[in-house]
C-alpha atoms as a PDB file:
ATOM      1  CA  UNK A   1       4.305   6.466  -9.425  1.00  0.00           C
ATOM      2  CA  UNK A   2       5.656   9.236  -7.190  1.00  0.00           C
ATOM      3  CA  UNK A   3       8.127   7.347  -5.011  1.00  0.00           C
ATOM      4  CA  UNK A   4      10.247   4.234  -5.543  1.00  0.00           C
ATOM      5  CA  UNK A   5      11.490   2.534  -2.395  1.00  0.00           C
ATOM      6  CA  UNK A   6      14.953   1.104  -3.047  1.00  0.00           C
ATOM      7  CA  UNK A   7      15.471   0.018   0.571  1.00  0.00           C
ATOM      8  CA  UNK A   8      15.888  -3.663   1.334  1.00  0.00           C
ATOM      9  CA  UNK A   9      13.326  -5.739   3.215  1.00  0.00           C
ATOM     10  CA  UNK A  10      13.708  -5.561   7.007  1.00  0.00           C
ATOM     11  CA  UNK A  11      14.581  -1.853   6.938  1.00  0.00           C
ATOM     12  CA  UNK A  12      11.252  -0.702   8.373  1.00  0.00           C
ATOM     13  CA  UNK A  13       9.330  -1.037   5.133  1.00  0.00           C
ATOM     14  CA  UNK A  14       5.962  -1.558   6.823  1.00  0.00           C
ATOM     15  CA  UNK A  15       6.501   1.660   8.783  1.00  0.00           C
ATOM     16  CA  UNK A  16       7.470   3.309   5.482  1.00  0.00           C
ATOM     17  CA  UNK A  17       4.297   2.067   3.808  1.00  0.00           C
ATOM     18  CA  UNK A  18       2.069   3.395   6.587  1.00  0.00           C
ATOM     19  CA  UNK A  19       3.922   6.725   6.700  1.00  0.00           C
ATOM     20  CA  UNK A  20       3.722   7.263   2.934  1.00  0.00           C
ATOM     21  CA  UNK A  21       0.011   6.556   2.923  1.00  0.00           C
ATOM     22  CA  UNK A  22      -0.466   8.993   5.820  1.00  0.00           C
ATOM     23  CA  UNK A  23       1.351  11.589   3.691  1.00  0.00           C
ATOM     24  CA  UNK A  24      -0.970  11.008   0.731  1.00  0.00           C
ATOM     25  CA  UNK A  25       1.589   9.095  -1.350  1.00  0.00           C
ATOM     26  CA  UNK A  26      -0.497   5.963  -1.511  1.00  0.00           C
ATOM     27  CA  UNK A  27      -1.659   3.352  -1.983  1.00  0.00           C
ATOM     28  CA  UNK A  28       1.858   2.039  -1.378  1.00  0.00           C
ATOM     29  CA  UNK A  29       2.761  -1.345  -2.854  1.00  0.00           C
ATOM     30  CA  UNK A  30       4.369  -3.736  -0.371  1.00  0.00           C
ATOM     31  CA  UNK A  31       5.318  -7.412  -0.200  1.00  0.00           C
ATOM     32  CA  UNK A  32       2.696  -8.317   2.386  1.00  0.00           C
ATOM     33  CA  UNK A  33      -0.288  -8.743   0.019  1.00  0.00           C
ATOM     34  CA  UNK A  34       1.776 -11.295  -1.937  1.00  0.00           C
ATOM     35  CA  UNK A  35       2.275 -13.306   1.244  1.00  0.00           C
ATOM     36  CA  UNK A  36      -1.495 -13.406   1.676  1.00  0.00           C
ATOM     37  CA  UNK A  37      -2.160 -14.121  -2.013  1.00  0.00           C
ATOM     38  CA  UNK A  38       0.955 -15.775  -3.472  1.00  0.00           C
ATOM     39  CA  UNK A  39      -0.628 -15.912  -6.930  1.00  0.00           C
ATOM     40  CA  UNK A  40       0.231 -12.184  -7.036  1.00  0.00           C
ATOM     41  CA  UNK A  41       3.860 -13.261  -7.460  1.00  0.00           C
ATOM     42  CA  UNK A  42       3.157 -14.423 -11.021  1.00  0.00           C
ATOM     43  CA  UNK A  43       3.658 -11.030 -12.734  1.00  0.00           C
ATOM     44  CA  UNK A  44       6.878 -10.602 -10.743  1.00  0.00           C
ATOM     45  CA  UNK A  45       8.077 -13.942 -12.070  1.00  0.00           C
ATOM     46  CA  UNK A  46       7.419 -12.639 -15.572  1.00  0.00           C
ATOM     47  CA  UNK A  47       9.208  -9.388 -14.703  1.00  0.00           C
ATOM     48  CA  UNK A  48      12.266 -11.334 -13.575  1.00  0.00           C
ATOM     49  CA  UNK A  49      12.193 -13.118 -16.929  1.00  0.00           C
ATOM     50  CA  UNK A  50      12.043  -9.783 -18.788  1.00  0.00           C
ATOM     51  CA  UNK A  51       8.306  -9.641 -19.520  1.00  0.00           C
ATOM     52  CA  UNK A  52       6.905  -6.821 -17.401  1.00  0.00           C
ATOM     53  CA  UNK A  53       3.890  -4.522 -17.327  1.00  0.00           C
ATOM     54  CA  UNK A  54       4.472  -2.050 -14.507  1.00  0.00           C
ATOM     55  CA  UNK A  55       1.057  -0.457 -14.907  1.00  0.00           C
ATOM     56  CA  UNK A  56      -0.561  -3.839 -14.353  1.00  0.00           C
ATOM     57  CA  UNK A  57       1.538  -4.565 -11.278  1.00  0.00           C
ATOM     58  CA  UNK A  58       1.209  -1.150  -9.662  1.00  0.00           C
ATOM     59  CA  UNK A  59      -2.371  -0.434 -10.714  1.00  0.00           C
ATOM     60  CA  UNK A  60      -3.517   2.584  -8.680  1.00  0.00           C
ATOM     61  CA  UNK A  61      -0.375   2.764  -6.503  1.00  0.00           C
ATOM     62  CA  UNK A  62       1.610   5.990  -6.070  1.00  0.00           C
ATOM     63  CA  UNK A  63       4.555   4.417  -4.260  1.00  0.00           C
ATOM     64  CA  UNK A  64       6.293   1.112  -3.604  1.00  0.00           C
ATOM     65  CA  UNK A  65       8.558  -0.127  -0.817  1.00  0.00           C
ATOM     66  CA  UNK A  66      10.068  -3.499   0.088  1.00  0.00           C
ATOM     67  CA  UNK A  67      10.639  -6.311  -2.364  1.00  0.00           C
ATOM     68  CA  UNK A  68       9.847  -7.207  -5.065  1.00  0.00           C
ATOM     69  CA  UNK A  69       9.691  -3.523  -6.090  1.00  0.00           C
ATOM     70  CA  UNK A  70      13.048  -2.512  -4.596  1.00  0.00           C
ATOM     71  CA  UNK A  71      14.810  -5.274  -6.527  1.00  0.00           C
ATOM     72  CA  UNK A  72      13.756  -3.501  -9.741  1.00  0.00           C
ATOM     73  CA  UNK A  73      14.536   0.045  -8.613  1.00  0.00           C
ATOM     74  CA  UNK A  74      16.688   0.768 -11.696  1.00  0.00           C
ATOM     75  CA  UNK A  75      13.989  -0.391 -14.093  1.00  0.00           C
ATOM     76  CA  UNK A  76      11.370   1.566 -12.166  1.00  0.00           C
ATOM     77  CA  UNK A  77      13.510   4.717 -12.297  1.00  0.00           C
ATOM     78  CA  UNK A  78      13.510   4.439 -16.078  1.00  0.00           C
ATOM     79  CA  UNK A  79       9.802   3.654 -16.261  1.00  0.00           C
ATOM     80  CA  UNK A  80       8.880   6.529 -13.924  1.00  0.00           C
ATOM     81  CA  UNK A  81      11.473   9.254 -14.559  1.00  0.00           C
ATOM     82  CA  UNK A  82       9.702  11.803 -12.357  1.00  0.00           C
ATOM     83  CA  UNK A  83       9.510   9.515  -9.335  1.00  0.00           C
ATOM     84  CA  UNK A  84      11.784  10.128  -6.371  1.00  0.00           C
ATOM     85  CA  UNK A  85      13.787   7.314  -4.774  1.00  0.00           C
ATOM     86  CA  UNK A  86      13.840   6.468  -1.071  1.00  0.00           C
ATOM     87  CA  UNK A  87      16.702   4.335   0.236  1.00  0.00           C
ATOM     88  CA  UNK A  88      15.642   3.047   3.632  1.00  0.00           C
ATOM     89  CA  UNK A  89      18.692   2.030   5.677  1.00  0.00           C
ATOM     90  CA  UNK A  90      19.363   0.231   8.937  1.00  0.00           C
ATOM     91  CA  UNK A  91      22.329  -0.739  11.109  1.00  0.00           C
ATOM     92  CA  UNK A  92      23.998  -3.777   9.560  1.00  0.00           C
ATOM     93  CA  UNK A  93      24.064  -5.946  12.685  1.00  0.00           C
ATOM     94  CA  UNK A  94      20.385  -5.442  13.459  1.00  0.00           C
ATOM     95  CA  UNK A  95      19.457  -5.940   9.792  1.00  0.00           C
ATOM     96  CA  UNK A  96      21.302  -9.277   9.662  1.00  0.00           C
ATOM     97  CA  UNK A  97      19.610 -10.447  12.874  1.00  0.00           C
ATOM     98  CA  UNK A  98      16.207  -9.491  11.539  1.00  0.00           C
ATOM     99  CA  UNK A  99      16.866 -11.211   8.211  1.00  0.00           C
ATOM    100  CA  UNK A 100      18.010 -14.396   9.962  1.00  0.00           C
ATOM    101  CA  UNK A 101      14.859 -14.455  12.117  1.00  0.00           C
ATOM    102  CA  UNK A 102      12.504 -13.834   9.192  1.00  0.00           C
ATOM    103  CA  UNK A 103      13.317 -14.040   5.478  1.00  0.00           C
ATOM    104  CA  UNK A 104      16.501 -16.112   5.593  1.00  0.00           C
ATOM    105  CA  UNK A 105      15.017 -18.297   8.281  1.00  0.00           C
ATOM    106  CA  UNK A 106      11.869 -18.995   6.294  1.00  0.00           C
ATOM    107  CA  UNK A 107      13.813 -20.008   3.163  1.00  0.00           C
ATOM    108  CA  UNK A 108      17.034 -21.572   4.451  1.00  0.00           C
ATOM    109  CA  UNK A 109      16.904 -21.917   8.237  1.00  0.00           C
ATOM    110  CA  UNK A 110      16.455 -25.035  10.347  1.00  0.00           C
ATOM    111  CA  UNK A 111      13.336 -23.578  11.891  1.00  0.00           C
ATOM    112  CA  UNK A 112       9.627 -24.245  12.230  1.00  0.00           C
ATOM    113  CA  UNK A 113       8.742 -21.481   9.788  1.00  0.00           C
ATOM    114  CA  UNK A 114      11.045 -22.974   7.145  1.00  0.00           C
ATOM    115  CA  UNK A 115       9.779 -26.552   7.619  1.00  0.00           C
ATOM    116  CA  UNK A 116       6.135 -25.483   7.514  1.00  0.00           C
ATOM    117  CA  UNK A 117       6.846 -23.370   4.441  1.00  0.00           C
ATOM    118  CA  UNK A 118       8.487 -26.362   2.743  1.00  0.00           C
ATOM    119  CA  UNK A 119       5.462 -28.507   3.553  1.00  0.00           C
ATOM    120  CA  UNK A 120       3.184 -25.861   2.083  1.00  0.00           C
ATOM    121  CA  UNK A 121       5.332 -25.730  -1.049  1.00  0.00           C
ATOM    122  CA  UNK A 122       4.603 -29.429  -1.591  1.00  0.00           C
ATOM    123  CA  UNK A 123       0.842 -28.849  -1.810  1.00  0.00           C
ATOM    124  CA  UNK A 124       0.460 -25.193  -2.886  1.00  0.00           C
ATOM    125  CA  UNK A 125       1.901 -24.408  -6.343  1.00  0.00           C
ATOM    126  CA  UNK A 126       1.434 -20.654  -5.915  1.00  0.00           C
ATOM    127  CA  UNK A 127       3.347 -20.642  -2.623  1.00  0.00           C
ATOM    128  CA  UNK A 128       6.069 -22.779  -4.161  1.00  0.00           C
ATOM    129  CA  UNK A 129       6.289 -20.326  -7.061  1.00  0.00           C
ATOM    130  CA  UNK A 130       6.619 -17.415  -4.640  1.00  0.00           C
ATOM    131  CA  UNK A 131       9.378 -19.139  -2.624  1.00  0.00           C
ATOM    132  CA  UNK A 132      11.290 -20.079  -5.789  1.00  0.00           C
ATOM    133  CA  UNK A 133      10.972 -16.468  -6.996  1.00  0.00           C
ATOM    134  CA  UNK A 134      12.383 -15.170  -3.716  1.00  0.00           C
ATOM    135  CA  UNK A 135      15.264 -17.651  -3.779  1.00  0.00           C
ATOM    136  CA  UNK A 136      16.205 -16.580  -7.281  1.00  0.00           C
ATOM    137  CA  UNK A 137      15.917 -12.866  -6.541  1.00  0.00           C
ATOM    138  CA  UNK A 138      18.068 -13.119  -3.411  1.00  0.00           C
ATOM    139  CA  UNK A 139      20.631 -15.234  -5.255  1.00  0.00           C
ATOM    140  CA  UNK A 140      20.810 -12.879  -8.245  1.00  0.00           C
ATOM    141  CA  UNK A 141      21.136  -9.867  -5.952  1.00  0.00           C
ATOM    142  CA  UNK A 142      24.130 -11.359  -4.171  1.00  0.00           C
ATOM    143  CA  UNK A 143      22.606 -10.388  -0.829  1.00  0.00           C
ATOM    144  CA  UNK A 144      22.233 -13.964   0.394  1.00  0.00           C
ATOM    145  CA  UNK A 145      24.473 -16.959  -0.113  1.00  0.00           C
ATOM    146  CA  UNK A 146      21.934 -19.719   0.401  1.00  0.00           C
ATOM    147  CA  UNK A 147      22.049 -21.863   3.523  1.00  0.00           C
ATOM    148  CA  UNK A 148      25.686 -20.932   4.213  1.00  0.00           C
ATOM    149  CA  UNK A 149      24.952 -17.204   4.532  1.00  0.00           C
ATOM    150  CA  UNK A 150      26.721 -15.708   7.539  1.00  0.00           C
ATOM    151  CA  UNK A 151      25.850 -12.451   9.277  1.00  0.00           C
ATOM    152  CA  UNK A 152      29.118 -11.008   7.988  1.00  0.00           C
ATOM    153  CA  UNK A 153      28.118 -11.910   4.422  1.00  0.00           C
ATOM    154  CA  UNK A 154      24.757 -10.187   4.803  1.00  0.00           C
ATOM    155  CA  UNK A 155      26.236  -7.055   6.358  1.00  0.00           C
ATOM    156  CA  UNK A 156      28.866  -6.699   3.640  1.00  0.00           C
ATOM    157  CA  UNK A 157      26.334  -7.341   0.887  1.00  0.00           C
ATOM    158  CA  UNK A 158      23.947  -4.789   2.367  1.00  0.00           C
ATOM    159  CA  UNK A 159      26.676  -2.147   2.532  1.00  0.00           C
ATOM    160  CA  UNK A 160      27.643  -2.801  -1.100  1.00  0.00           C
ATOM    161  CA  UNK A 161      24.013  -2.530  -2.127  1.00  0.00           C
ATOM    162  CA  UNK A 162      23.612   0.824  -0.380  1.00  0.00           C
ATOM    163  CA  UNK A 163      26.739   2.113  -2.124  1.00  0.00           C
ATOM    164  CA  UNK A 164      25.415   0.933  -5.486  1.00  0.00           C
ATOM    165  CA  UNK A 165      22.089   2.722  -5.007  1.00  0.00           C
ATOM    166  CA  UNK A 166      23.796   5.964  -4.031  1.00  0.00           C
ATOM    167  CA  UNK A 167      26.102   5.726  -7.060  1.00  0.00           C
ATOM    168  CA  UNK A 168      23.179   4.949  -9.389  1.00  0.00           C
ATOM    169  CA  UNK A 169      20.502   7.428  -8.313  1.00  0.00           C
ATOM    170  CA  UNK A 170      21.122  11.149  -8.919  1.00  0.00           C
ATOM    171  CA  UNK A 171      21.510  12.889  -5.578  1.00  0.00           C
ATOM    172  CA  UNK A 172      18.664  15.328  -6.240  1.00  0.00           C
ATOM    173  CA  UNK A 173      16.346  12.383  -6.753  1.00  0.00           C
ATOM    174  CA  UNK A 174      17.453  10.340  -3.713  1.00  0.00           C
ATOM    175  CA  UNK A 175      16.825  10.387   0.029  1.00  0.00           C
ATOM    176  CA  UNK A 176      18.904   8.081   2.234  1.00  0.00           C
ATOM    177  CA  UNK A 177      16.752   7.729   5.307  1.00  0.00           C
ATOM    178  CA  UNK A 178      16.044   5.602   8.377  1.00  0.00           C
ATOM    179  CA  UNK A 179      12.742   5.219  10.173  1.00  0.00           C
ATOM    180  CA  UNK A 180      14.595   6.617  13.191  1.00  0.00           C
ATOM    181  CA  UNK A 181      14.792   9.930  11.304  1.00  0.00           C
ATOM    182  CA  UNK A 182      11.027  10.366  11.542  1.00  0.00           C
ATOM    183  CA  UNK A 183       8.913  12.786   9.567  1.00  0.00           C
ATOM    184  CA  UNK A 184      10.987  15.912   8.938  1.00  0.00           C
ATOM    185  CA  UNK A 185      13.481  14.892   6.251  1.00  0.00           C
ATOM    186  CA  UNK A 186      10.959  12.588   4.578  1.00  0.00           C
ATOM    187  CA  UNK A 187       8.332  15.325   4.369  1.00  0.00           C
ATOM    188  CA  UNK A 188      10.879  17.858   3.104  1.00  0.00           C
ATOM    189  CA  UNK A 189      11.937  15.379   0.409  1.00  0.00           C
ATOM    190  CA  UNK A 190       8.335  14.795  -0.663  1.00  0.00           C
ATOM    191  CA  UNK A 191       7.423  18.470  -0.305  1.00  0.00           C
ATOM    192  CA  UNK A 192       4.464  17.772   1.978  1.00  0.00           C
ATOM    193  CA  UNK A 193       3.550  19.119   5.440  1.00  0.00           C
ATOM    194  CA  UNK A 194       4.711  17.314   8.558  1.00  0.00           C
ATOM    195  CA  UNK A 195       1.730  15.527  10.145  1.00  0.00           C
ATOM    196  CA  UNK A 196       0.722  16.202  13.716  1.00  0.00           C
ATOM    197  CA  UNK A 197       0.481  12.451  14.319  1.00  0.00           C
ATOM    198  CA  UNK A 198       3.533  10.578  15.606  1.00  0.00           C
ATOM    199  CA  UNK A 199       5.600   8.662  13.084  1.00  0.00           C
ATOM    200  CA  UNK A 200       4.408   5.030  12.824  1.00  0.00           C
ATOM    201  CA  UNK A 201       6.948   2.539  14.140  1.00  0.00           C
ATOM    202  CA  UNK A 202       6.053  -1.083  13.386  1.00  0.00           C
ATOM    203  CA  UNK A 203       8.221  -3.928  14.654  1.00  0.00           C
ATOM    204  CA  UNK A 204       6.889  -6.927  12.747  1.00  0.00           C
ATOM    205  CA  UNK A 205       9.578  -9.568  13.332  1.00  0.00           C
ATOM    206  CA  UNK A 206       7.423 -11.595  15.741  1.00  0.00           C
ATOM    207  CA  UNK A 207       4.329 -10.992  13.619  1.00  0.00           C
ATOM    208  CA  UNK A 208       6.187 -12.374  10.604  1.00  0.00           C
ATOM    209  CA  UNK A 209       6.942 -15.658  12.366  1.00  0.00           C
ATOM    210  CA  UNK A 210       3.457 -15.955  13.813  1.00  0.00           C
ATOM    211  CA  UNK A 211       1.908 -15.250  10.425  1.00  0.00           C
ATOM    212  CA  UNK A 212       4.106 -17.798   8.649  1.00  0.00           C
ATOM    213  CA  UNK A 213       3.242 -20.506  11.175  1.00  0.00           C
ATOM    214  CA  UNK A 214      -0.483 -19.764  11.400  1.00  0.00           C
ATOM    215  CA  UNK A 215      -0.976 -19.412   7.652  1.00  0.00           C
ATOM    216  CA  UNK A 216       1.028 -22.502   6.739  1.00  0.00           C
ATOM    217  CA  UNK A 217      -0.818 -24.598   9.326  1.00  0.00           C
ATOM    218  CA  UNK A 218      -4.182 -23.360   8.053  1.00  0.00           C
ATOM    219  CA  UNK A 219      -3.314 -24.227   4.446  1.00  0.00           C
ATOM    220  CA  UNK A 220      -1.953 -27.647   5.434  1.00  0.00           C
ATOM    221  CA  UNK A 221      -4.978 -28.457   7.582  1.00  0.00           C
ATOM    222  CA  UNK A 222      -7.362 -27.440   4.807  1.00  0.00           C
ATOM    223  CA  UNK A 223      -5.487 -29.583   2.294  1.00  0.00           C
ATOM    224  CA  UNK A 224      -5.485 -32.542   4.698  1.00  0.00           C
ATOM    225  CA  UNK A 225      -9.254 -32.282   5.160  1.00  0.00           C
ATOM    226  CA  UNK A 226      -9.780 -32.204   1.400  1.00  0.00           C
ATOM    227  CA  UNK A 227      -7.231 -34.957   0.612  1.00  0.00           C
ATOM    228  CA  UNK A 228      -7.350 -37.500   3.475  1.00  0.00           C
ATOM    229  CA  UNK A 229      -5.931 -40.394   1.448  1.00  0.00           C
ATOM    230  CA  UNK A 230      -3.014 -38.383   0.028  1.00  0.00           C
ATOM    231  CA  UNK A 231      -2.274 -36.965   3.473  1.00  0.00           C
ATOM    232  CA  UNK A 232      -1.598 -40.448   4.849  1.00  0.00           C
ATOM    233  CA  UNK A 233      -0.045 -42.023   1.749  1.00  0.00           C
ATOM    234  CA  UNK A 234       2.600 -39.379   1.147  1.00  0.00           C
ATOM    235  CA  UNK A 235       1.106 -38.108  -2.103  1.00  0.00           C
ATOM    236  CA  UNK A 236       1.593 -34.468  -3.035  1.00  0.00           C
ATOM    237  CA  UNK A 237      -0.646 -31.961  -4.730  1.00  0.00           C
END
């Protein structure tokens, strides 16, 4: 492991992943594969309970960004003492809006993505396990306050988290960075050449919602086709 991403979700982590892999610091572990295969959340559940095998989780990866990895940045710093730490940051107002439209909305919001996710939880134990893991991680972190979370709460919690990271990580090991900063400071930090290609900027808020809806509907429709009697009688998985 060469780089530990301590930045929160919705701070341009997909752009970070692509950029790090372009710089040769990959494969980069990211949340997205867990969304596609929620059974991959199982070792993270064990990690949250204190039973962790980082080599198993990060098999072949040279970097990690986004959650669940960022949640464990302190443990990863100890496990990989030579790894550098990247704190991806974002303006508080825009971060809160993005969180409300995506992660908070899918877990706590009165929205289609939340209701479809809840329906999937009723028939898909792996998805339910992933959602319960996320709820517990967000609650333990203090970054969300359940359904009553306000934008002001999220902004304040984010700012406290950034302060904690900067107080925890030795300055020579840390880069506080935004995707708006582009290649130069990131490449200098990693001691690699600046690519000729433009920095990758990925805005995945809409894609997140579309993916949640399309995937949940596909799972629900497949389950309905396989369980026609349960689908009409109200039985679960």
